[in-house]
N, C-alpha and C. Protein backbone atom coordinates (compact mmCIF):
# COMPACT_ATOMS: atom_id res chain seq x y z
N UNK A 1 26.03 -24.33 -23.82
CA UNK A 1 25.79 -22.97 -23.39
C UNK A 1 25.92 -22.94 -21.86
N UNK A 2 26.66 -21.98 -21.35
CA UNK A 2 26.80 -21.90 -19.89
C UNK A 2 25.56 -21.27 -19.27
N UNK A 3 25.51 -21.31 -17.93
CA UNK A 3 24.30 -20.85 -17.22
C UNK A 3 23.99 -19.38 -17.46
N UNK A 4 25.03 -18.55 -17.56
CA UNK A 4 24.77 -17.12 -17.76
C UNK A 4 24.11 -16.85 -19.12
N UNK A 5 24.61 -17.51 -20.16
CA UNK A 5 24.02 -17.34 -21.49
C UNK A 5 22.62 -17.94 -21.54
N UNK A 6 22.45 -19.07 -20.86
CA UNK A 6 21.13 -19.69 -20.80
C UNK A 6 20.13 -18.79 -20.10
N UNK A 7 20.58 -18.17 -19.01
CA UNK A 7 19.71 -17.25 -18.27
C UNK A 7 19.29 -16.08 -19.16
N UNK A 8 20.23 -15.50 -19.88
CA UNK A 8 19.92 -14.37 -20.76
C UNK A 8 18.95 -14.81 -21.87
N UNK A 9 19.18 -16.00 -22.42
CA UNK A 9 18.32 -16.52 -23.48
C UNK A 9 16.88 -16.69 -22.98
N UNK A 10 16.71 -17.36 -21.84
CA UNK A 10 15.36 -17.60 -21.33
C UNK A 10 14.69 -16.31 -20.85
N UNK A 11 15.49 -15.38 -20.37
CA UNK A 11 14.94 -14.08 -19.97
C UNK A 11 14.38 -13.36 -21.20
N UNK A 12 15.11 -13.41 -22.31
CA UNK A 12 14.62 -12.78 -23.54
C UNK A 12 13.35 -13.46 -24.03
N UNK A 13 13.30 -14.79 -23.95
CA UNK A 13 12.09 -15.51 -24.35
C UNK A 13 10.90 -15.10 -23.48
N UNK A 14 11.14 -15.00 -22.19
CA UNK A 14 10.08 -14.63 -21.24
C UNK A 14 9.50 -13.27 -21.60
N UNK A 15 10.36 -12.28 -21.78
CA UNK A 15 9.88 -10.94 -22.08
C UNK A 15 9.31 -10.84 -23.50
N UNK A 16 9.81 -11.67 -24.41
CA UNK A 16 9.23 -11.70 -25.75
C UNK A 16 7.78 -12.16 -25.70
N UNK A 17 7.49 -13.19 -24.91
CA UNK A 17 6.12 -13.70 -24.81
C UNK A 17 5.20 -12.68 -24.14
N UNK A 18 5.71 -11.96 -23.16
CA UNK A 18 4.90 -10.90 -22.54
C UNK A 18 4.63 -9.77 -23.53
N UNK A 19 5.61 -9.47 -24.37
CA UNK A 19 5.42 -8.45 -25.41
C UNK A 19 4.40 -8.93 -26.44
N UNK A 20 4.46 -10.21 -26.79
CA UNK A 20 3.46 -10.77 -27.72
C UNK A 20 2.06 -10.67 -27.14
N UNK A 21 1.94 -10.85 -25.84
CA UNK A 21 0.63 -10.73 -25.20
C UNK A 21 0.08 -9.32 -25.38
N UNK A 22 0.92 -8.31 -25.21
CA UNK A 22 0.48 -6.93 -25.37
C UNK A 22 0.06 -6.64 -26.81
N UNK A 23 0.82 -7.17 -27.77
CA UNK A 23 0.45 -6.99 -29.18
C UNK A 23 -0.87 -7.69 -29.49
N UNK A 24 -1.06 -8.85 -28.89
CA UNK A 24 -2.30 -9.60 -29.08
C UNK A 24 -3.49 -8.82 -28.54
N UNK A 25 -3.32 -8.19 -27.40
CA UNK A 25 -4.39 -7.39 -26.81
C UNK A 25 -4.76 -6.23 -27.75
N UNK A 26 -3.77 -5.61 -28.37
CA UNK A 26 -4.06 -4.54 -29.32
C UNK A 26 -4.83 -5.06 -30.53
N UNK A 27 -4.47 -6.23 -31.02
CA UNK A 27 -5.19 -6.81 -32.15
C UNK A 27 -6.61 -7.18 -31.75
N UNK A 28 -6.78 -7.64 -30.53
CA UNK A 28 -8.12 -7.96 -30.05
C UNK A 28 -8.99 -6.71 -29.98
N UNK A 29 -8.40 -5.59 -29.56
CA UNK A 29 -9.17 -4.35 -29.49
C UNK A 29 -9.61 -3.90 -30.87
N UNK A 30 -8.75 -4.03 -31.86
CA UNK A 30 -9.11 -3.66 -33.23
C UNK A 30 -10.22 -4.57 -33.75
N UNK A 31 -10.11 -5.86 -33.48
CA UNK A 31 -11.14 -6.80 -33.92
C UNK A 31 -12.47 -6.51 -33.23
N UNK A 32 -12.42 -6.14 -31.96
CA UNK A 32 -13.64 -5.78 -31.24
C UNK A 32 -14.32 -4.58 -31.88
N UNK A 33 -13.54 -3.59 -32.27
CA UNK A 33 -14.11 -2.40 -32.92
C UNK A 33 -14.76 -2.78 -34.25
N UNK A 34 -14.11 -3.63 -35.02
CA UNK A 34 -14.67 -4.06 -36.30
C UNK A 34 -15.95 -4.86 -36.09
N UNK A 35 -15.92 -5.80 -35.15
CA UNK A 35 -17.11 -6.61 -34.86
C UNK A 35 -18.27 -5.74 -34.39
N UNK A 36 -17.98 -4.78 -33.54
CA UNK A 36 -19.03 -3.90 -33.03
C UNK A 36 -19.67 -3.11 -34.17
N UNK A 37 -18.85 -2.58 -35.06
CA UNK A 37 -19.38 -1.83 -36.20
C UNK A 37 -20.23 -2.69 -37.12
N UNK A 38 -19.74 -3.88 -37.42
CA UNK A 38 -20.50 -4.77 -38.32
C UNK A 38 -21.80 -5.21 -37.68
N UNK A 39 -21.76 -5.63 -36.44
CA UNK A 39 -22.98 -6.09 -35.76
C UNK A 39 -23.96 -4.93 -35.61
N UNK A 40 -23.46 -3.73 -35.33
CA UNK A 40 -24.35 -2.56 -35.24
C UNK A 40 -25.04 -2.27 -36.56
N UNK A 41 -24.30 -2.31 -37.65
CA UNK A 41 -24.91 -2.12 -38.97
C UNK A 41 -25.88 -3.23 -39.31
N UNK A 42 -25.54 -4.43 -38.93
CA UNK A 42 -26.41 -5.59 -39.16
C UNK A 42 -27.72 -5.44 -38.41
N UNK A 43 -27.65 -4.99 -37.17
CA UNK A 43 -28.86 -4.78 -36.38
C UNK A 43 -29.69 -3.62 -36.93
N UNK A 44 -29.03 -2.60 -37.46
CA UNK A 44 -29.76 -1.49 -38.07
C UNK A 44 -30.55 -1.99 -39.28
N UNK A 45 -29.92 -2.78 -40.12
CA UNK A 45 -30.63 -3.32 -41.29
C UNK A 45 -31.82 -4.15 -40.83
N UNK A 46 -31.61 -5.00 -39.83
CA UNK A 46 -32.70 -5.85 -39.35
C UNK A 46 -33.85 -5.01 -38.78
N UNK A 47 -33.52 -3.94 -38.06
CA UNK A 47 -34.58 -3.10 -37.47
C UNK A 47 -35.34 -2.30 -38.52
N UNK A 48 -34.76 -2.08 -39.68
CA UNK A 48 -35.40 -1.28 -40.73
C UNK A 48 -36.09 -2.13 -41.79
N UNK A 49 -36.14 -3.45 -41.59
CA UNK A 49 -36.80 -4.30 -42.58
C UNK A 49 -38.30 -4.03 -42.64
N UNK A 50 -38.82 -3.98 -43.85
CA UNK A 50 -40.25 -3.80 -44.07
C UNK A 50 -40.81 -5.14 -44.52
N UNK A 51 -41.36 -5.87 -43.56
CA UNK A 51 -41.85 -7.22 -43.85
C UNK A 51 -43.13 -7.22 -44.69
N UNK A 52 -43.85 -6.12 -44.69
CA UNK A 52 -45.13 -6.08 -45.42
C UNK A 52 -45.07 -5.24 -46.69
N UNK A 53 -43.91 -4.76 -47.02
CA UNK A 53 -43.79 -3.88 -48.18
C UNK A 53 -43.80 -4.65 -49.49
N UNK A 54 -44.00 -3.93 -50.60
CA UNK A 54 -44.03 -4.57 -51.91
C UNK A 54 -42.61 -4.87 -52.39
N UNK A 55 -42.25 -6.11 -52.42
CA UNK A 55 -40.96 -6.49 -52.96
C UNK A 55 -41.08 -7.88 -53.56
N UNK A 56 -40.16 -8.21 -54.41
CA UNK A 56 -40.22 -9.49 -55.11
C UNK A 56 -39.69 -10.62 -54.23
N UNK A 57 -40.28 -11.80 -54.34
CA UNK A 57 -39.82 -12.94 -53.53
C UNK A 57 -38.36 -13.30 -53.78
N UNK A 58 -37.89 -13.07 -55.01
CA UNK A 58 -36.50 -13.37 -55.32
C UNK A 58 -35.55 -12.49 -54.50
N UNK A 59 -35.91 -11.21 -54.36
CA UNK A 59 -35.09 -10.29 -53.57
C UNK A 59 -35.09 -10.72 -52.10
N UNK A 60 -36.26 -11.10 -51.60
CA UNK A 60 -36.35 -11.58 -50.22
C UNK A 60 -35.50 -12.84 -50.02
N UNK A 61 -35.54 -13.73 -50.99
CA UNK A 61 -34.77 -14.98 -50.88
C UNK A 61 -33.28 -14.68 -50.83
N UNK A 62 -32.82 -13.82 -51.72
CA UNK A 62 -31.41 -13.44 -51.71
C UNK A 62 -31.04 -12.80 -50.38
N UNK A 63 -31.88 -11.87 -49.93
CA UNK A 63 -31.60 -11.18 -48.68
C UNK A 63 -31.56 -12.16 -47.51
N UNK A 64 -32.57 -13.02 -47.40
CA UNK A 64 -32.64 -13.93 -46.25
C UNK A 64 -31.49 -14.93 -46.23
N UNK A 65 -31.12 -15.47 -47.39
CA UNK A 65 -30.00 -16.41 -47.44
C UNK A 65 -28.70 -15.71 -47.03
N UNK A 66 -28.47 -14.54 -47.60
CA UNK A 66 -27.24 -13.81 -47.27
C UNK A 66 -27.26 -13.32 -45.83
N UNK A 67 -28.42 -12.89 -45.36
CA UNK A 67 -28.52 -12.44 -43.97
C UNK A 67 -28.26 -13.61 -43.01
N UNK A 68 -28.82 -14.77 -43.32
CA UNK A 68 -28.62 -15.94 -42.46
C UNK A 68 -27.16 -16.40 -42.47
N UNK A 69 -26.57 -16.48 -43.65
CA UNK A 69 -25.16 -16.90 -43.74
C UNK A 69 -24.24 -15.91 -43.04
N UNK A 70 -24.48 -14.62 -43.28
CA UNK A 70 -23.68 -13.60 -42.62
C UNK A 70 -23.85 -13.63 -41.11
N UNK A 71 -25.08 -13.86 -40.65
CA UNK A 71 -25.33 -13.92 -39.21
C UNK A 71 -24.64 -15.10 -38.56
N UNK A 72 -24.68 -16.25 -39.22
CA UNK A 72 -24.00 -17.44 -38.68
C UNK A 72 -22.50 -17.20 -38.60
N UNK A 73 -21.92 -16.66 -39.66
CA UNK A 73 -20.48 -16.39 -39.65
C UNK A 73 -20.12 -15.35 -38.59
N UNK A 74 -20.94 -14.32 -38.43
CA UNK A 74 -20.66 -13.33 -37.39
C UNK A 74 -20.80 -13.92 -35.99
N UNK A 75 -21.76 -14.82 -35.81
CA UNK A 75 -21.92 -15.48 -34.50
C UNK A 75 -20.69 -16.33 -34.19
N UNK A 76 -20.19 -17.06 -35.18
CA UNK A 76 -18.97 -17.85 -34.98
C UNK A 76 -17.80 -16.93 -34.69
N UNK A 77 -17.70 -15.82 -35.42
CA UNK A 77 -16.62 -14.86 -35.19
C UNK A 77 -16.67 -14.31 -33.77
N UNK A 78 -17.87 -13.99 -33.29
CA UNK A 78 -18.01 -13.49 -31.92
C UNK A 78 -17.61 -14.56 -30.91
N UNK A 79 -18.01 -15.80 -31.14
CA UNK A 79 -17.66 -16.90 -30.24
C UNK A 79 -16.15 -17.08 -30.18
N UNK A 80 -15.49 -17.11 -31.34
CA UNK A 80 -14.04 -17.27 -31.39
C UNK A 80 -13.34 -16.06 -30.76
N UNK A 81 -13.92 -14.88 -30.96
CA UNK A 81 -13.34 -13.68 -30.36
C UNK A 81 -13.36 -13.76 -28.83
N UNK A 82 -14.49 -14.19 -28.29
CA UNK A 82 -14.59 -14.33 -26.83
C UNK A 82 -13.60 -15.37 -26.33
N UNK A 83 -13.41 -16.46 -27.08
CA UNK A 83 -12.44 -17.48 -26.69
C UNK A 83 -11.02 -16.91 -26.71
N UNK A 84 -10.73 -15.99 -27.63
CA UNK A 84 -9.41 -15.37 -27.69
C UNK A 84 -9.22 -14.35 -26.58
N UNK A 85 -10.32 -13.75 -26.15
CA UNK A 85 -10.23 -12.66 -25.17
C UNK A 85 -10.14 -13.16 -23.74
N UNK A 86 -10.94 -14.14 -23.38
CA UNK A 86 -11.02 -14.57 -21.99
C UNK A 86 -10.60 -16.02 -21.80
N UNK A 87 -10.28 -16.34 -20.55
CA UNK A 87 -10.00 -17.72 -20.18
C UNK A 87 -8.54 -18.12 -20.33
N UNK A 88 -7.65 -17.17 -20.36
CA UNK A 88 -6.23 -17.48 -20.51
C UNK A 88 -5.47 -16.85 -19.35
N UNK A 89 -4.58 -17.62 -18.77
CA UNK A 89 -3.77 -17.10 -17.66
C UNK A 89 -2.30 -17.16 -18.05
N UNK A 90 -1.58 -16.18 -17.59
CA UNK A 90 -0.16 -16.09 -17.88
C UNK A 90 0.63 -16.29 -16.60
N UNK A 91 1.78 -16.93 -16.74
CA UNK A 91 2.67 -17.12 -15.60
C UNK A 91 3.68 -15.99 -15.58
N UNK A 92 3.93 -15.48 -14.39
CA UNK A 92 4.91 -14.41 -14.22
C UNK A 92 5.87 -14.80 -13.11
N UNK A 93 6.98 -14.11 -13.09
CA UNK A 93 7.95 -14.33 -12.02
C UNK A 93 7.34 -13.90 -10.69
N UNK A 94 7.83 -14.47 -9.60
CA UNK A 94 7.38 -13.99 -8.29
C UNK A 94 7.79 -12.52 -8.10
N UNK A 95 7.21 -11.89 -7.12
CA UNK A 95 7.58 -10.49 -6.86
C UNK A 95 9.05 -10.42 -6.46
N UNK A 96 9.63 -9.26 -6.63
CA UNK A 96 11.07 -9.08 -6.42
C UNK A 96 11.51 -9.44 -5.00
N UNK A 97 10.67 -9.15 -4.01
CA UNK A 97 11.07 -9.46 -2.63
C UNK A 97 11.17 -10.97 -2.41
N UNK A 98 10.29 -11.75 -3.03
CA UNK A 98 10.38 -13.21 -2.89
C UNK A 98 11.65 -13.74 -3.55
N UNK A 99 11.97 -13.20 -4.71
CA UNK A 99 13.20 -13.63 -5.40
C UNK A 99 14.42 -13.28 -4.56
N UNK A 100 14.43 -12.07 -4.03
CA UNK A 100 15.57 -11.65 -3.20
C UNK A 100 15.64 -12.47 -1.92
N UNK A 101 14.52 -12.78 -1.31
CA UNK A 101 14.52 -13.62 -0.10
C UNK A 101 15.08 -15.01 -0.41
N UNK A 102 14.75 -15.55 -1.58
CA UNK A 102 15.28 -16.86 -1.96
C UNK A 102 16.79 -16.78 -2.16
N UNK A 103 17.26 -15.71 -2.79
CA UNK A 103 18.70 -15.53 -2.98
C UNK A 103 19.42 -15.46 -1.65
N UNK A 104 18.88 -14.70 -0.71
CA UNK A 104 19.49 -14.59 0.63
C UNK A 104 19.46 -15.94 1.33
N UNK A 105 18.37 -16.67 1.18
CA UNK A 105 18.26 -17.99 1.80
C UNK A 105 19.33 -18.93 1.23
N UNK A 106 19.57 -18.87 -0.08
CA UNK A 106 20.61 -19.71 -0.69
C UNK A 106 21.98 -19.35 -0.12
N UNK A 107 22.28 -18.06 0.00
CA UNK A 107 23.58 -17.66 0.54
C UNK A 107 23.71 -18.05 2.01
N UNK A 108 22.64 -17.93 2.78
CA UNK A 108 22.68 -18.34 4.19
C UNK A 108 22.85 -19.85 4.32
N UNK A 109 22.24 -20.60 3.44
CA UNK A 109 22.32 -22.07 3.50
C UNK A 109 23.73 -22.55 3.18
N UNK A 110 24.39 -21.96 2.21
CA UNK A 110 25.69 -22.45 1.75
C UNK A 110 26.87 -21.62 2.25
N UNK A 111 26.68 -20.71 3.19
CA UNK A 111 27.78 -19.86 3.63
C UNK A 111 28.83 -20.64 4.42
N UNK A 112 28.48 -21.78 5.00
CA UNK A 112 29.42 -22.56 5.80
C UNK A 112 30.40 -23.36 4.94
N UNK A 113 30.08 -23.54 3.68
CA UNK A 113 30.95 -24.32 2.80
C UNK A 113 32.02 -23.43 2.20
N UNK A 114 33.13 -24.08 1.80
CA UNK A 114 34.24 -23.30 1.25
C UNK A 114 33.86 -22.62 -0.07
N UNK A 115 33.09 -23.31 -0.88
CA UNK A 115 32.64 -22.72 -2.14
C UNK A 115 31.17 -22.28 -2.04
N UNK A 116 30.76 -21.86 -0.86
CA UNK A 116 29.37 -21.50 -0.59
C UNK A 116 28.80 -20.41 -1.48
N UNK A 117 29.49 -19.27 -1.61
CA UNK A 117 28.93 -18.20 -2.45
C UNK A 117 28.75 -18.63 -3.91
N UNK A 118 29.72 -19.40 -4.44
CA UNK A 118 29.61 -19.85 -5.83
C UNK A 118 28.48 -20.86 -5.98
N UNK A 119 28.35 -21.77 -5.00
CA UNK A 119 27.28 -22.76 -5.04
C UNK A 119 25.92 -22.07 -4.95
N UNK A 120 25.79 -21.12 -4.03
CA UNK A 120 24.53 -20.39 -3.88
C UNK A 120 24.19 -19.62 -5.15
N UNK A 121 25.19 -18.98 -5.74
CA UNK A 121 24.96 -18.23 -6.98
C UNK A 121 24.54 -19.18 -8.11
N UNK A 122 25.14 -20.36 -8.15
CA UNK A 122 24.77 -21.34 -9.17
C UNK A 122 23.33 -21.81 -9.02
N UNK A 123 22.95 -22.13 -7.77
CA UNK A 123 21.56 -22.56 -7.54
C UNK A 123 20.57 -21.43 -7.83
N UNK A 124 20.96 -20.21 -7.50
CA UNK A 124 20.08 -19.08 -7.76
C UNK A 124 19.90 -18.87 -9.27
N UNK A 125 21.01 -19.01 -10.04
CA UNK A 125 20.91 -18.90 -11.49
C UNK A 125 19.99 -19.99 -12.05
N UNK A 126 20.16 -21.21 -11.55
CA UNK A 126 19.31 -22.32 -12.00
C UNK A 126 17.84 -22.06 -11.66
N UNK A 127 17.60 -21.47 -10.49
CA UNK A 127 16.24 -21.10 -10.07
C UNK A 127 15.64 -20.10 -11.06
N UNK A 128 16.42 -19.07 -11.42
CA UNK A 128 15.93 -18.07 -12.37
C UNK A 128 15.72 -18.66 -13.76
N UNK A 129 16.67 -19.50 -14.19
CA UNK A 129 16.54 -20.14 -15.50
C UNK A 129 15.26 -20.97 -15.54
N UNK A 130 15.02 -21.73 -14.48
CA UNK A 130 13.82 -22.57 -14.44
C UNK A 130 12.55 -21.72 -14.50
N UNK A 131 12.52 -20.64 -13.71
CA UNK A 131 11.34 -19.77 -13.72
C UNK A 131 11.12 -19.13 -15.09
N UNK A 132 12.18 -18.55 -15.64
CA UNK A 132 12.05 -17.92 -16.96
C UNK A 132 11.61 -18.94 -18.01
N UNK A 133 12.20 -20.12 -17.97
CA UNK A 133 11.90 -21.16 -18.95
C UNK A 133 10.45 -21.63 -18.83
N UNK A 134 10.02 -21.97 -17.63
CA UNK A 134 8.65 -22.46 -17.43
C UNK A 134 7.61 -21.39 -17.76
N UNK A 135 7.87 -20.18 -17.32
CA UNK A 135 6.92 -19.10 -17.60
C UNK A 135 6.85 -18.79 -19.09
N UNK A 136 8.00 -18.74 -19.75
CA UNK A 136 8.02 -18.46 -21.19
C UNK A 136 7.30 -19.56 -21.97
N UNK A 137 7.52 -20.81 -21.58
CA UNK A 137 6.86 -21.92 -22.28
C UNK A 137 5.34 -21.86 -22.09
N UNK A 138 4.90 -21.63 -20.87
CA UNK A 138 3.46 -21.54 -20.60
C UNK A 138 2.85 -20.36 -21.35
N UNK A 139 3.51 -19.22 -21.30
CA UNK A 139 2.98 -18.02 -21.96
C UNK A 139 2.97 -18.18 -23.48
N UNK A 140 3.96 -18.90 -24.03
CA UNK A 140 3.98 -19.15 -25.47
C UNK A 140 2.78 -20.00 -25.88
N UNK A 141 2.44 -20.99 -25.08
CA UNK A 141 1.26 -21.82 -25.38
C UNK A 141 -0.02 -20.99 -25.32
N UNK A 142 -0.12 -20.13 -24.31
CA UNK A 142 -1.30 -19.27 -24.19
C UNK A 142 -1.41 -18.33 -25.39
N UNK A 143 -0.29 -17.72 -25.77
CA UNK A 143 -0.31 -16.80 -26.91
C UNK A 143 -0.68 -17.52 -28.20
N UNK A 144 -0.13 -18.71 -28.40
CA UNK A 144 -0.43 -19.47 -29.62
C UNK A 144 -1.92 -19.81 -29.69
N UNK A 145 -2.48 -20.23 -28.57
CA UNK A 145 -3.91 -20.57 -28.54
C UNK A 145 -4.77 -19.33 -28.81
N UNK A 146 -4.39 -18.22 -28.19
CA UNK A 146 -5.16 -16.99 -28.39
C UNK A 146 -5.04 -16.49 -29.82
N UNK A 147 -3.84 -16.57 -30.41
CA UNK A 147 -3.66 -16.16 -31.80
C UNK A 147 -4.49 -17.04 -32.74
N UNK A 148 -4.58 -18.33 -32.44
CA UNK A 148 -5.40 -19.22 -33.27
C UNK A 148 -6.87 -18.81 -33.23
N UNK A 149 -7.38 -18.54 -32.02
CA UNK A 149 -8.78 -18.12 -31.90
C UNK A 149 -9.01 -16.78 -32.61
N UNK A 150 -8.06 -15.86 -32.46
CA UNK A 150 -8.20 -14.56 -33.12
C UNK A 150 -8.18 -14.72 -34.64
N UNK A 151 -7.29 -15.56 -35.13
CA UNK A 151 -7.23 -15.81 -36.58
C UNK A 151 -8.55 -16.39 -37.08
N UNK A 152 -9.10 -17.34 -36.35
CA UNK A 152 -10.38 -17.93 -36.76
C UNK A 152 -11.50 -16.89 -36.73
N UNK A 153 -11.47 -16.01 -35.75
CA UNK A 153 -12.48 -14.96 -35.65
C UNK A 153 -12.39 -14.00 -36.84
N UNK A 154 -11.19 -13.55 -37.13
CA UNK A 154 -10.99 -12.62 -38.25
C UNK A 154 -11.34 -13.31 -39.58
N UNK A 155 -11.02 -14.59 -39.70
CA UNK A 155 -11.38 -15.32 -40.92
C UNK A 155 -12.89 -15.36 -41.11
N UNK A 156 -13.63 -15.60 -40.04
CA UNK A 156 -15.09 -15.62 -40.15
C UNK A 156 -15.63 -14.24 -40.52
N UNK A 157 -15.01 -13.20 -39.99
CA UNK A 157 -15.43 -11.84 -40.35
C UNK A 157 -15.21 -11.61 -41.85
N UNK A 158 -14.04 -12.00 -42.34
CA UNK A 158 -13.73 -11.82 -43.76
C UNK A 158 -14.69 -12.63 -44.63
N UNK A 159 -14.97 -13.87 -44.23
CA UNK A 159 -15.90 -14.71 -45.00
C UNK A 159 -17.32 -14.15 -44.99
N UNK A 160 -17.68 -13.41 -43.95
CA UNK A 160 -19.04 -12.87 -43.86
C UNK A 160 -19.23 -11.62 -44.71
N UNK A 161 -18.16 -10.96 -45.09
CA UNK A 161 -18.27 -9.69 -45.81
C UNK A 161 -19.03 -9.81 -47.13
N UNK A 162 -18.77 -10.80 -47.99
CA UNK A 162 -19.58 -10.88 -49.22
C UNK A 162 -21.07 -11.05 -48.93
N UNK A 163 -21.41 -11.87 -47.95
CA UNK A 163 -22.82 -12.06 -47.60
C UNK A 163 -23.43 -10.76 -47.08
N UNK A 164 -22.66 -10.04 -46.27
CA UNK A 164 -23.15 -8.78 -45.73
C UNK A 164 -23.38 -7.77 -46.86
N UNK A 165 -22.44 -7.69 -47.78
CA UNK A 165 -22.58 -6.74 -48.89
C UNK A 165 -23.77 -7.08 -49.77
N UNK A 166 -23.94 -8.35 -50.10
CA UNK A 166 -25.08 -8.75 -50.94
C UNK A 166 -26.39 -8.49 -50.21
N UNK A 167 -26.43 -8.80 -48.91
CA UNK A 167 -27.66 -8.54 -48.14
C UNK A 167 -27.93 -7.05 -48.07
N UNK A 168 -26.89 -6.24 -47.86
CA UNK A 168 -27.09 -4.79 -47.77
C UNK A 168 -27.56 -4.21 -49.11
N UNK A 169 -26.98 -4.69 -50.20
CA UNK A 169 -27.39 -4.20 -51.52
C UNK A 169 -28.84 -4.60 -51.81
N UNK A 170 -29.19 -5.84 -51.52
CA UNK A 170 -30.58 -6.26 -51.76
C UNK A 170 -31.54 -5.51 -50.83
N UNK A 171 -31.09 -5.18 -49.63
CA UNK A 171 -31.91 -4.40 -48.70
C UNK A 171 -32.15 -3.00 -49.24
N UNK A 172 -31.08 -2.36 -49.70
CA UNK A 172 -31.20 -0.97 -50.16
C UNK A 172 -31.88 -0.85 -51.52
N UNK A 173 -31.54 -1.72 -52.44
CA UNK A 173 -32.06 -1.59 -53.81
C UNK A 173 -33.30 -2.44 -54.07
N UNK A 174 -33.61 -3.37 -53.19
CA UNK A 174 -34.73 -4.27 -53.42
C UNK A 174 -36.03 -3.86 -52.77
N UNK A 175 -36.07 -2.68 -52.19
CA UNK A 175 -37.30 -2.20 -51.57
C UNK A 175 -37.65 -2.89 -50.26
N UNK A 176 -36.65 -3.34 -49.53
CA UNK A 176 -36.91 -4.02 -48.26
C UNK A 176 -36.90 -3.08 -47.06
N UNK A 177 -36.48 -1.84 -47.28
CA UNK A 177 -36.37 -0.89 -46.18
C UNK A 177 -37.72 -0.22 -45.92
N UNK A 178 -37.96 0.06 -44.65
CA UNK A 178 -39.17 0.81 -44.28
C UNK A 178 -39.03 2.23 -44.81
N UNK A 179 -40.13 2.74 -45.31
CA UNK A 179 -40.14 4.11 -45.81
C UNK A 179 -40.50 5.02 -44.64
N UNK A 180 -39.65 6.01 -44.41
CA UNK A 180 -39.92 6.94 -43.32
C UNK A 180 -40.78 8.09 -43.83
N UNK A 181 -41.82 8.36 -43.10
CA UNK A 181 -42.66 9.51 -43.45
C UNK A 181 -42.32 10.65 -42.52
N UNK A 182 -42.26 11.82 -43.10
CA UNK A 182 -41.88 13.00 -42.31
C UNK A 182 -43.10 13.74 -41.85
């Protein structure tokens, strides 16, 4: 593959990884909304527990086991979510003026040679290829790591749903809720 095709290829990879980052951010926002809703409902159930009310020990046992398992899974999901959200840096190209200054510097350096403009253009292409390649590779690693953490977070949320449902049903039907007097 010649330098021009290589440059186009690495440029596409670079922008593909930046596009993946934007899609990942959207998925993180959706996961945050789901986590917030589940944790809010979980805290509501906990705040409405009637510890002194008449209920059977079996119902309490089911509720406590499911509540504990669901809480542990949600805590792991929150931890993995935070790992997916923060602590990742992306490499980007230098600002346009720096790139243009480097191009001018290459032309000034090689203008005295007979094939100076071609040599300068070749070095400039190699400079761009290297930047696009290194940035795309680094950004791909960051995206892969973030996607792994997000996948683990969503998996923990999905695994917690049966425990949450069983705990909620035992809470509602087992007489564990505080009775509100008007």
